[in-house]
Structure formats: structure tokens, C-alpha cells
Amino acid sequence: MVEREEREAIEKERRSTNHREGILAQVKSKEGRRRKKVDAKFEEGRRLHEETLKERAKMSAIKDKMIDDLLDSGVNPNYLSEMRNVDVVKIQMR
């Protein structure tokens, strides 16, 4: 009878350990999926920010080139003041 109780106690401890390990594995798996989702969201934000900065630089370069081309073609510089004062960031945020 003592041997049977010892075997049952050992079996109960083994099942408890297996159950605990299974639960911990599920928790780790869920945490990993959540972390990947959060990381993907932040990566998308970084990517969009970089694209915005690239587009802003591109628009600013186009504006500068247009001003230079107009000055080279002989346009009075007083007429270009409005174009020089264009805020690329405001235009981009529309």
C-alpha cells in the first residue's frame, strides 16, 4: 500500500510538472506573438517616418531647383519671394 501511494505521488508530481511546463510554454508563445506584433507596429512607424523625411527632402530639392531655374532664366528675384517662403512641411501635412 505504501508503494502504491508513493507511485501515485510520483505520478501526480510528474503530471503536475508536465502541466506547469505546458502552461509556461503557452505563456511564452503568446508573449512572443504579442512582442512580434508590437515590434511590427513600431517598425511600420519608423518606416513611415523615414518615407516622410525622404519625401520632404525631395520636395525641398524640387523647390530649390525650380527657384534656381527661374533665376537662371532671368525672372526678377522679387517675384520669387513667395516661392522661397513656401513651407514644405505644411504642404506635406495637408
PDB file of N, CA and C in Angstrom:
ATOM      1  N   MET A   1       0.827  -1.189   0.000  1.00  0.00           N
ATOM      2  CA  MET A   1       0.000   0.000   0.000  1.00  0.00           C
ATOM      3  C   MET A   1       0.878   1.261   0.000  1.00  0.00           C
ATOM      4  N   VAL A   2       1.975   1.235   0.739  1.00  0.00           N
ATOM      5  CA  VAL A   2       2.880   2.375   0.795  1.00  0.00           C
ATOM      6  C   VAL A   2       3.524   2.584  -0.567  1.00  0.00           C
ATOM      7  N   GLU A   3       3.893   1.491  -1.242  1.00  0.00           N
ATOM      8  CA  GLU A   3       4.500   1.583  -2.570  1.00  0.00           C
ATOM      9  C   GLU A   3       3.521   2.205  -3.559  1.00  0.00           C
ATOM     10  N   ARG A   4       2.277   1.789  -3.480  1.00  0.00           N
ATOM     11  CA  ARG A   4       1.258   2.330  -4.384  1.00  0.00           C
ATOM     12  C   ARG A   4       1.074   3.835  -4.149  1.00  0.00           C
ATOM     13  N   GLU A   5       1.023   4.255  -2.909  1.00  0.00           N
ATOM     14  CA  GLU A   5       0.880   5.671  -2.590  1.00  0.00           C
ATOM     15  C   GLU A   5       2.093   6.462  -3.067  1.00  0.00           C
ATOM     16  N   GLU A   6       3.281   5.893  -2.941  1.00  0.00           N
ATOM     17  CA  GLU A   6       4.493   6.563  -3.439  1.00  0.00           C
ATOM     18  C   GLU A   6       4.444   6.697  -4.954  1.00  0.00           C
ATOM     19  N   ARG A   7       4.026   5.599  -5.636  1.00  0.00           N
ATOM     20  CA  ARG A   7       3.908   5.663  -7.104  1.00  0.00           C
ATOM     21  C   ARG A   7       2.876   6.711  -7.524  1.00  0.00           C
ATOM     22  N   GLU A   8       1.761   6.750  -6.818  1.00  0.00           N
ATOM     23  CA  GLU A   8       0.719   7.738  -7.128  1.00  0.00           C
ATOM     24  C   GLU A   8       1.234   9.161  -6.881  1.00  0.00           C
ATOM     25  N   ALA A   9       1.980   9.351  -5.811  1.00  0.00           N
ATOM     26  CA  ALA A   9       2.531  10.676  -5.516  1.00  0.00           C
ATOM     27  C   ALA A   9       3.538  11.083  -6.591  1.00  0.00           C
ATOM     28  N   ILE A  10       4.372  10.123  -7.007  1.00  0.00           N
ATOM     29  CA  ILE A  10       5.357  10.405  -8.067  1.00  0.00           C
ATOM     30  C   ILE A  10       4.636  10.721  -9.367  1.00  0.00           C
ATOM     31  N   GLU A  11       3.611   9.924  -9.690  1.00  0.00           N
ATOM     32  CA  GLU A  11       2.838  10.158 -10.921  1.00  0.00           C
ATOM     33  C   GLU A  11       2.125  11.516 -10.862  1.00  0.00           C
ATOM     34  N   LYS A  12       1.574  11.839  -9.716  1.00  0.00           N
ATOM     35  CA  LYS A  12       0.895  13.127  -9.557  1.00  0.00           C
ATOM     36  C   LYS A  12       1.892  14.279  -9.734  1.00  0.00           C
ATOM     37  N   GLU A  13       3.086  14.146  -9.175  1.00  0.00           N
ATOM     38  CA  GLU A  13       4.119  15.180  -9.316  1.00  0.00           C
ATOM     39  C   GLU A  13       4.553  15.306 -10.778  1.00  0.00           C
ATOM     40  N   ARG A  14       4.691  14.176 -11.477  1.00  0.00           N
ATOM     41  CA  ARG A  14       5.077  14.197 -12.890  1.00  0.00           C
ATOM     42  C   ARG A  14       4.012  14.902 -13.724  1.00  0.00           C
ATOM     43  N   ARG A  15       2.724  14.574 -13.495  1.00  0.00           N
ATOM     44  CA  ARG A  15       1.645  15.222 -14.235  1.00  0.00           C
ATOM     45  C   ARG A  15       1.587  16.723 -13.923  1.00  0.00           C
ATOM     46  N   SER A  16       1.805  17.067 -12.682  1.00  0.00           N
ATOM     47  CA  SER A  16       1.811  18.472 -12.286  1.00  0.00           C
ATOM     48  C   SER A  16       2.947  19.223 -12.981  1.00  0.00           C
ATOM     49  N   THR A  17       4.125  18.598 -13.025  1.00  0.00           N
ATOM     50  CA  THR A  17       5.273  19.219 -13.692  1.00  0.00           C
ATOM     51  C   THR A  17       5.004  19.381 -15.178  1.00  0.00           C
ATOM     52  N   ASN A  18       4.456  18.342 -15.808  1.00  0.00           N
ATOM     53  CA  ASN A  18       4.137  18.422 -17.241  1.00  0.00           C
ATOM     54  C   ASN A  18       3.113  19.512 -17.516  1.00  0.00           C
ATOM     55  N   HIS A  19       2.097  19.599 -16.655  1.00  0.00           N
ATOM     56  CA  HIS A  19       1.069  20.620 -16.831  1.00  0.00           C
ATOM     57  C   HIS A  19       1.679  22.020 -16.691  1.00  0.00           C
ATOM     58  N   ARG A  20       2.514  22.220 -15.673  1.00  0.00           N
ATOM     59  CA  ARG A  20       3.162  23.513 -15.445  1.00  0.00           C
ATOM     60  C   ARG A  20       4.023  23.892 -16.639  1.00  0.00           C
ATOM     61  N   GLU A  21       4.795  22.930 -17.154  1.00  0.00           N
ATOM     62  CA  GLU A  21       5.648  23.208 -18.318  1.00  0.00           C
ATOM     63  C   GLU A  21       4.807  23.562 -19.540  1.00  0.00           C
ATOM     64  N   GLY A  22       3.670  22.877 -19.701  1.00  0.00           N
ATOM     65  CA  GLY A  22       2.774  23.186 -20.820  1.00  0.00           C
ATOM     66  C   GLY A  22       2.215  24.598 -20.722  1.00  0.00           C
ATOM     67  N   ILE A  23       1.795  24.975 -19.531  1.00  0.00           N
ATOM     68  CA  ILE A  23       1.257  26.324 -19.319  1.00  0.00           C
ATOM     69  C   ILE A  23       2.339  27.366 -19.581  1.00  0.00           C
ATOM     70  N   LEU A  24       3.541  27.140 -19.065  1.00  0.00           N
ATOM     71  CA  LEU A  24       4.644  28.086 -19.288  1.00  0.00           C
ATOM     72  C   LEU A  24       4.982  28.205 -20.770  1.00  0.00           C
ATOM     73  N   ALA A  25       4.918  27.111 -21.491  1.00  0.00           N
ATOM     74  CA  ALA A  25       5.183  27.144 -22.936  1.00  0.00           C
ATOM     75  C   ALA A  25       4.122  27.985 -23.646  1.00  0.00           C
ATOM     76  N   GLN A  26       2.866  27.820 -23.236  1.00  0.00           N
ATOM     77  CA  GLN A  26       1.800  28.624 -23.839  1.00  0.00           C
ATOM     78  C   GLN A  26       1.999  30.108 -23.544  1.00  0.00           C
ATOM     79  N   VAL A  27       2.391  30.427 -22.313  1.00  0.00           N
ATOM     80  CA  VAL A  27       2.610  31.824 -21.940  1.00  0.00           C
ATOM     81  C   VAL A  27       3.748  32.413 -22.768  1.00  0.00           C
ATOM     82  N   LYS A  28       4.843  31.657 -22.920  1.00  0.00           N
ATOM     83  CA  LYS A  28       5.977  32.142 -23.720  1.00  0.00           C
ATOM     84  C   LYS A  28       5.571  32.343 -25.171  1.00  0.00           C
ATOM     85  N   SER A  29       4.795  31.405 -25.695  1.00  0.00           N
ATOM     86  CA  SER A  29       4.356  31.502 -27.084  1.00  0.00           C
ATOM     87  C   SER A  29       3.489  32.744 -27.287  1.00  0.00           C
ATOM     88  N   LYS A  30       2.556  32.965 -26.384  1.00  0.00           N
ATOM     89  CA  LYS A  30       1.668  34.123 -26.506  1.00  0.00           C
ATOM     90  C   LYS A  30       2.456  35.423 -26.363  1.00  0.00           C
ATOM     91  N   GLU A  31       3.397  35.452 -25.429  1.00  0.00           N
ATOM     92  CA  GLU A  31       4.232  36.639 -25.241  1.00  0.00           C
ATOM     93  C   GLU A  31       5.072  36.908 -26.490  1.00  0.00           C
ATOM     94  N   GLY A  32       5.601  35.854 -27.098  1.00  0.00           N
ATOM     95  CA  GLY A  32       6.381  36.014 -28.328  1.00  0.00           C
ATOM     96  C   GLY A  32       5.546  36.592 -29.463  1.00  0.00           C
ATOM     97  N   ARG A  33       4.317  36.085 -29.609  1.00  0.00           N
ATOM     98  CA  ARG A  33       3.431  36.613 -30.654  1.00  0.00           C
ATOM     99  C   ARG A  33       3.087  38.076 -30.392  1.00  0.00           C
ATOM    100  N   ARG A  34       2.823  38.415 -29.129  1.00  0.00           N
ATOM    101  CA  ARG A  34       2.490  39.796 -28.784  1.00  0.00           C
ATOM    102  C   ARG A  34       3.681  40.713 -29.057  1.00  0.00           C
ATOM    103  N   ARG A  35       4.867  40.258 -28.695  1.00  0.00           N
ATOM    104  CA  ARG A  35       6.069  41.060 -28.912  1.00  0.00           C
ATOM    105  C   ARG A  35       6.317  41.279 -30.406  1.00  0.00           C
ATOM    106  N   LYS A  36       6.114  40.249 -31.219  1.00  0.00           N
ATOM    107  CA  LYS A  36       6.288  40.399 -32.669  1.00  0.00           C
ATOM    108  C   LYS A  36       5.300  41.413 -33.227  1.00  0.00           C
ATOM    109  N   LYS A  37       4.070  41.373 -32.733  1.00  0.00           N
ATOM    110  CA  LYS A  37       3.041  42.297 -33.209  1.00  0.00           C
ATOM    111  C   LYS A  37       3.411  43.736 -32.853  1.00  0.00           C
ATOM    112  N   VAL A  38       3.872  43.949 -31.628  1.00  0.00           N
ATOM    113  CA  VAL A  38       4.268  45.293 -31.187  1.00  0.00           C
ATOM    114  C   VAL A  38       5.483  45.766 -31.983  1.00  0.00           C
ATOM    115  N   ASP A  39       6.469  44.883 -32.160  1.00  0.00           N
ATOM    116  CA  ASP A  39       7.656  45.247 -32.927  1.00  0.00           C
ATOM    117  C   ASP A  39       7.306  45.602 -34.364  1.00  0.00           C
ATOM    118  N   ALA A  40       6.374  44.857 -34.957  1.00  0.00           N
ATOM    119  CA  ALA A  40       5.957  45.147 -36.333  1.00  0.00           C
ATOM    120  C   ALA A  40       5.295  46.520 -36.413  1.00  0.00           C
ATOM    121  N   LYS A  41       4.501  46.851 -35.402  1.00  0.00           N
ATOM    122  CA  LYS A  41       3.827  48.156 -35.391  1.00  0.00           C
ATOM    123  C   LYS A  41       4.859  49.285 -35.317  1.00  0.00           C
ATOM    124  N   PHE A  42       5.843  49.139 -34.433  1.00  0.00           N
ATOM    125  CA  PHE A  42       6.858  50.174 -34.307  1.00  0.00           C
ATOM    126  C   PHE A  42       7.742  50.250 -35.549  1.00  0.00           C
ATOM    127  N   GLU A  43       8.013  49.117 -36.167  1.00  0.00           N
ATOM    128  CA  GLU A  43       8.816  49.114 -37.389  1.00  0.00           C
ATOM    129  C   GLU A  43       8.071  49.834 -38.504  1.00  0.00           C
ATOM    130  N   GLU A  44       6.761  49.622 -38.581  1.00  0.00           N
ATOM    131  CA  GLU A  44       5.968  50.311 -39.600  1.00  0.00           C
ATOM    132  C   GLU A  44       6.000  51.828 -39.363  1.00  0.00           C
ATOM    133  N   GLY A  45       5.935  52.233 -38.101  1.00  0.00           N
ATOM    134  CA  GLY A  45       6.015  53.656 -37.773  1.00  0.00           C
ATOM    135  C   GLY A  45       7.350  54.260 -38.181  1.00  0.00           C
ATOM    136  N   ARG A  46       8.439  53.526 -37.904  1.00  0.00           N
ATOM    137  CA  ARG A  46       9.767  54.003 -38.307  1.00  0.00           C
ATOM    138  C   ARG A  46       9.879  54.107 -39.824  1.00  0.00           C
ATOM    139  N   ARG A  47       9.327  53.120 -40.511  1.00  0.00           N
ATOM    140  CA  ARG A  47       9.375  53.127 -41.978  1.00  0.00           C
ATOM    141  C   ARG A  47       8.595  54.316 -42.544  1.00  0.00           C
ATOM    142  N   LEU A  48       7.415  54.557 -42.001  1.00  0.00           N
ATOM    143  CA  LEU A  48       6.612  55.693 -42.475  1.00  0.00           C
ATOM    144  C   LEU A  48       7.314  57.015 -42.188  1.00  0.00           C
ATOM    145  N   HIS A  49       7.947  57.117 -41.035  1.00  0.00           N
ATOM    146  CA  HIS A  49       8.675  58.345 -40.697  1.00  0.00           C
ATOM    147  C   HIS A  49       9.827  58.572 -41.671  1.00  0.00           C
ATOM    148  N   GLU A  50      10.552  57.511 -41.995  1.00  0.00           N
ATOM    149  CA  GLU A  50      11.656  57.638 -42.952  1.00  0.00           C
ATOM    150  C   GLU A  50      11.147  58.052 -44.328  1.00  0.00           C
ATOM    151  N   GLU A  51      10.034  57.458 -44.751  1.00  0.00           N
ATOM    152  CA  GLU A  51       9.464  57.822 -46.047  1.00  0.00           C
ATOM    153  C   GLU A  51       9.047  59.292 -46.061  1.00  0.00           C
ATOM    154  N   THR A  52       8.473  59.747 -44.965  1.00  0.00           N
ATOM    155  CA  THR A  52       8.062  61.152 -44.866  1.00  0.00           C
ATOM    156  C   THR A  52       9.266  62.074 -44.982  1.00  0.00           C
ATOM    157  N   LEU A  53      10.338  61.728 -44.286  1.00  0.00           N
ATOM    158  CA  LEU A  53      11.546  62.556 -44.350  1.00  0.00           C
ATOM    159  C   LEU A  53      12.149  62.571 -45.755  1.00  0.00           C
ATOM    160  N   LYS A  54      12.150  61.409 -46.418  1.00  0.00           N
ATOM    161  CA  LYS A  54      12.679  61.342 -47.785  1.00  0.00           C
ATOM    162  C   LYS A  54      11.840  62.197 -48.730  1.00  0.00           C
ATOM    163  N   GLU A  55      10.515  62.096 -48.582  1.00  0.00           N
ATOM    164  CA  GLU A  55       9.637  62.872 -49.460  1.00  0.00           C
ATOM    165  C   GLU A  55       9.800  64.374 -49.197  1.00  0.00           C
ATOM    166  N   ARG A  56       9.960  64.739 -47.925  1.00  0.00           N
ATOM    167  CA  ARG A  56      10.162  66.142 -47.576  1.00  0.00           C
ATOM    168  C   ARG A  56      11.448  66.675 -48.209  1.00  0.00           C
ATOM    169  N   ALA A  57      12.521  65.884 -48.136  1.00  0.00           N
ATOM    170  CA  ALA A  57      13.789  66.298 -48.740  1.00  0.00           C
ATOM    171  C   ALA A  57      13.647  66.414 -50.258  1.00  0.00           C
ATOM    172  N   LYS A  58      12.904  65.479 -50.856  1.00  0.00           N
ATOM    173  CA  LYS A  58      12.688  65.501 -52.302  1.00  0.00           C
ATOM    174  C   LYS A  58      11.919  66.758 -52.717  1.00  0.00           C
ATOM    175  N   MET A  59      10.858  67.089 -51.970  1.00  0.00           N
ATOM    176  CA  MET A  59      10.065  68.277 -52.289  1.00  0.00           C
ATOM    177  C   MET A  59      10.883  69.549 -52.111  1.00  0.00           C
ATOM    178  N   SER A  60      11.704  69.584 -51.085  1.00  0.00           N
ATOM    179  CA  SER A  60      12.545  70.758 -50.856  1.00  0.00           C
ATOM    180  C   SER A  60      13.564  70.918 -51.982  1.00  0.00           C
ATOM    181  N   ALA A  61      14.125  69.804 -52.434  1.00  0.00           N
ATOM    182  CA  ALA A  61      15.089  69.857 -53.538  1.00  0.00           C
ATOM    183  C   ALA A  61      14.406  70.338 -54.822  1.00  0.00           C
ATOM    184  N   ILE A  62      13.190  69.879 -55.066  1.00  0.00           N
ATOM    185  CA  ILE A  62      12.442  70.311 -56.252  1.00  0.00           C
ATOM    186  C   ILE A  62      12.178  71.808 -56.177  1.00  0.00           C
ATOM    187  N   LYS A  63      11.771  72.289 -54.998  1.00  0.00           N
ATOM    188  CA  LYS A  63      11.506  73.721 -54.814  1.00  0.00           C
ATOM    189  C   LYS A  63      12.771  74.532 -55.087  1.00  0.00           C
ATOM    190  N   ASP A  64      13.893  74.099 -54.522  1.00  0.00           N
ATOM    191  CA  ASP A  64      15.158  74.820 -54.731  1.00  0.00           C
ATOM    192  C   ASP A  64      15.572  74.820 -56.193  1.00  0.00           C
ATOM    193  N   LYS A  65      15.362  73.685 -56.869  1.00  0.00           N
ATOM    194  CA  LYS A  65      15.728  73.595 -58.286  1.00  0.00           C
ATOM    195  C   LYS A  65      14.845  74.523 -59.114  1.00  0.00           C
ATOM    196  N   MET A  66      13.555  74.582 -58.782  1.00  0.00           N
ATOM    197  CA  MET A  66      12.650  75.473 -59.520  1.00  0.00           C
ATOM    198  C   MET A  66      13.063  76.933 -59.342  1.00  0.00           C
ATOM    199  N   ILE A  67      13.430  77.305 -58.133  1.00  0.00           N
ATOM    200  CA  ILE A  67      13.862  78.688 -57.880  1.00  0.00           C
ATOM    201  C   ILE A  67      15.132  78.988 -58.664  1.00  0.00           C
ATOM    202  N   ASP A  68      16.090  78.058 -58.635  1.00  0.00           N
ATOM    203  CA  ASP A  68      17.335  78.254 -59.379  1.00  0.00           C
ATOM    204  C   ASP A  68      17.076  78.358 -60.877  1.00  0.00           C
ATOM    205  N   ASP A  69      16.190  77.505 -61.396  1.00  0.00           N
ATOM    206  CA  ASP A  69      15.872  77.540 -62.825  1.00  0.00           C
ATOM    207  C   ASP A  69      15.223  78.874 -63.209  1.00  0.00           C
ATOM    208  N   LEU A  70      14.331  79.355 -62.348  1.00  0.00           N
ATOM    209  CA  LEU A  70      13.681  80.634 -62.636  1.00  0.00           C
ATOM    210  C   LEU A  70      14.679  81.786 -62.576  1.00  0.00           C
ATOM    211  N   LEU A  71      15.594  81.747 -61.621  1.00  0.00           N
ATOM    212  CA  LEU A  71      16.621  82.790 -61.543  1.00  0.00           C
ATOM    213  C   LEU A  71      17.541  82.740 -62.757  1.00  0.00           C
ATOM    214  N   ASP A  72      17.896  81.525 -63.193  1.00  0.00           N
ATOM    215  CA  ASP A  72      18.747  81.365 -64.372  1.00  0.00           C
ATOM    216  C   ASP A  72      18.054  81.860 -65.639  1.00  0.00           C
ATOM    217  N   SER A  73      16.738  81.725 -65.685  1.00  0.00           N
ATOM    218  CA  SER A  73      16.014  82.167 -66.877  1.00  0.00           C
ATOM    219  C   SER A  73      15.752  83.671 -66.868  1.00  0.00           C
ATOM    220  N   GLY A  74      16.155  84.354 -65.783  1.00  0.00           N
ATOM    221  CA  GLY A  74      16.071  85.805 -65.774  1.00  0.00           C
ATOM    222  C   GLY A  74      14.857  86.377 -65.078  1.00  0.00           C
ATOM    223  N   VAL A  75      14.144  85.604 -64.304  1.00  0.00           N
ATOM    224  CA  VAL A  75      12.980  86.109 -63.581  1.00  0.00           C
ATOM    225  C   VAL A  75      13.467  87.019 -62.458  1.00  0.00           C
ATOM    226  N   ASN A  76      12.761  88.105 -62.256  1.00  0.00           N
ATOM    227  CA  ASN A  76      13.104  89.062 -61.208  1.00  0.00           C
ATOM    228  C   ASN A  76      13.039  88.350 -59.843  1.00  0.00           C
ATOM    229  N   PRO A  77      14.112  88.415 -59.040  1.00  0.00           N
ATOM    230  CA  PRO A  77      14.138  87.728 -57.739  1.00  0.00           C
ATOM    231  C   PRO A  77      13.043  88.187 -56.784  1.00  0.00           C
ATOM    232  N   ASN A  78      12.542  89.392 -56.957  1.00  0.00           N
ATOM    233  CA  ASN A  78      11.453  89.867 -56.094  1.00  0.00           C
ATOM    234  C   ASN A  78      10.181  89.047 -56.286  1.00  0.00           C
ATOM    235  N   TYR A  79       9.999  88.477 -57.483  1.00  0.00           N
ATOM    236  CA  TYR A  79       8.818  87.678 -57.754  1.00  0.00           C
ATOM    237  C   TYR A  79       8.908  86.283 -57.132  1.00  0.00           C
ATOM    238  N   LEU A  80      10.077  85.898 -56.688  1.00  0.00           N
ATOM    239  CA  LEU A  80      10.277  84.544 -56.156  1.00  0.00           C
ATOM    240  C   LEU A  80      10.187  84.481 -54.635  1.00  0.00           C
ATOM    241  N   SER A  81       9.936  85.604 -53.989  1.00  0.00           N
ATOM    242  CA  SER A  81       9.907  85.612 -52.524  1.00  0.00           C
ATOM    243  C   SER A  81       8.825  84.682 -51.970  1.00  0.00           C
ATOM    244  N   GLU A  82       7.673  84.652 -52.617  1.00  0.00           N
ATOM    245  CA  GLU A  82       6.598  83.779 -52.151  1.00  0.00           C
ATOM    246  C   GLU A  82       6.995  82.308 -52.300  1.00  0.00           C
ATOM    247  N   MET A  83       7.642  81.995 -53.396  1.00  0.00           N
ATOM    248  CA  MET A  83       8.073  80.617 -53.611  1.00  0.00           C
ATOM    249  C   MET A  83       9.154  80.207 -52.608  1.00  0.00           C
ATOM    250  N   ARG A  84      10.042  81.147 -52.276  1.00  0.00           N
ATOM    251  CA  ARG A  84      11.097  80.846 -51.297  1.00  0.00           C
ATOM    252  C   ARG A  84      10.513  80.597 -49.907  1.00  0.00           C
ATOM    253  N   ASN A  85       9.401  81.275 -49.603  1.00  0.00           N
ATOM    254  CA  ASN A  85       8.801  81.168 -48.277  1.00  0.00           C
ATOM    255  C   ASN A  85       7.842  79.983 -48.128  1.00  0.00           C
ATOM    256  N   VAL A  86       7.704  79.190 -49.168  1.00  0.00           N
ATOM    257  CA  VAL A  86       6.814  78.032 -49.099  1.00  0.00           C
ATOM    258  C   VAL A  86       7.353  77.062 -48.045  1.00  0.00           C
ATOM    259  N   ASP A  87       6.458  76.648 -47.131  1.00  0.00           N
ATOM    260  CA  ASP A  87       6.835  75.711 -46.078  1.00  0.00           C
ATOM    261  C   ASP A  87       6.504  74.290 -46.562  1.00  0.00           C
ATOM    262  N   VAL A  88       7.522  73.544 -46.874  1.00  0.00           N
ATOM    263  CA  VAL A  88       7.345  72.192 -47.421  1.00  0.00           C
ATOM    264  C   VAL A  88       6.637  71.290 -46.407  1.00  0.00           C
ATOM    265  N   VAL A  89       6.928  71.469 -45.135  1.00  0.00           N
ATOM    266  CA  VAL A  89       6.311  70.630 -44.096  1.00  0.00           C
ATOM    267  C   VAL A  89       4.806  70.857 -44.060  1.00  0.00           C
ATOM    268  N   LYS A  90       4.360  72.105 -44.152  1.00  0.00           N
ATOM    269  CA  LYS A  90       2.933  72.392 -44.157  1.00  0.00           C
ATOM    270  C   LYS A  90       2.255  71.768 -45.359  1.00  0.00           C
ATOM    271  N   ILE A  91       2.884  71.860 -46.499  1.00  0.00           N
ATOM    272  CA  ILE A  91       2.308  71.278 -47.722  1.00  0.00           C
ATOM    273  C   ILE A  91       2.210  69.772 -47.582  1.00  0.00           C
ATOM    274  N   GLN A  92       3.230  69.186 -47.016  1.00  0.00           N
ATOM    275  CA  GLN A  92       3.251  67.726 -46.886  1.00  0.00           C
ATOM    276  C   GLN A  92       2.195  67.248 -45.883  1.00  0.00           C
ATOM    277  N   MET A  93       1.897  68.023 -44.877  1.00  0.00           N
ATOM    278  CA  MET A  93       0.949  67.610 -43.845  1.00  0.00           C
ATOM    279  C   MET A  93      -0.513  67.767 -44.254  1.00  0.00           C
ATOM    280  N   ARG A  94      -0.765  68.358 -45.406  1.00  0.00           N
ATOM    281  CA  ARG A  94      -2.138  68.522 -45.870  1.00  0.00           C
ATOM    282  C   ARG A  94      -2.785  67.213 -46.130  1.00  0.00           C
TER     283      ARG A  94
END
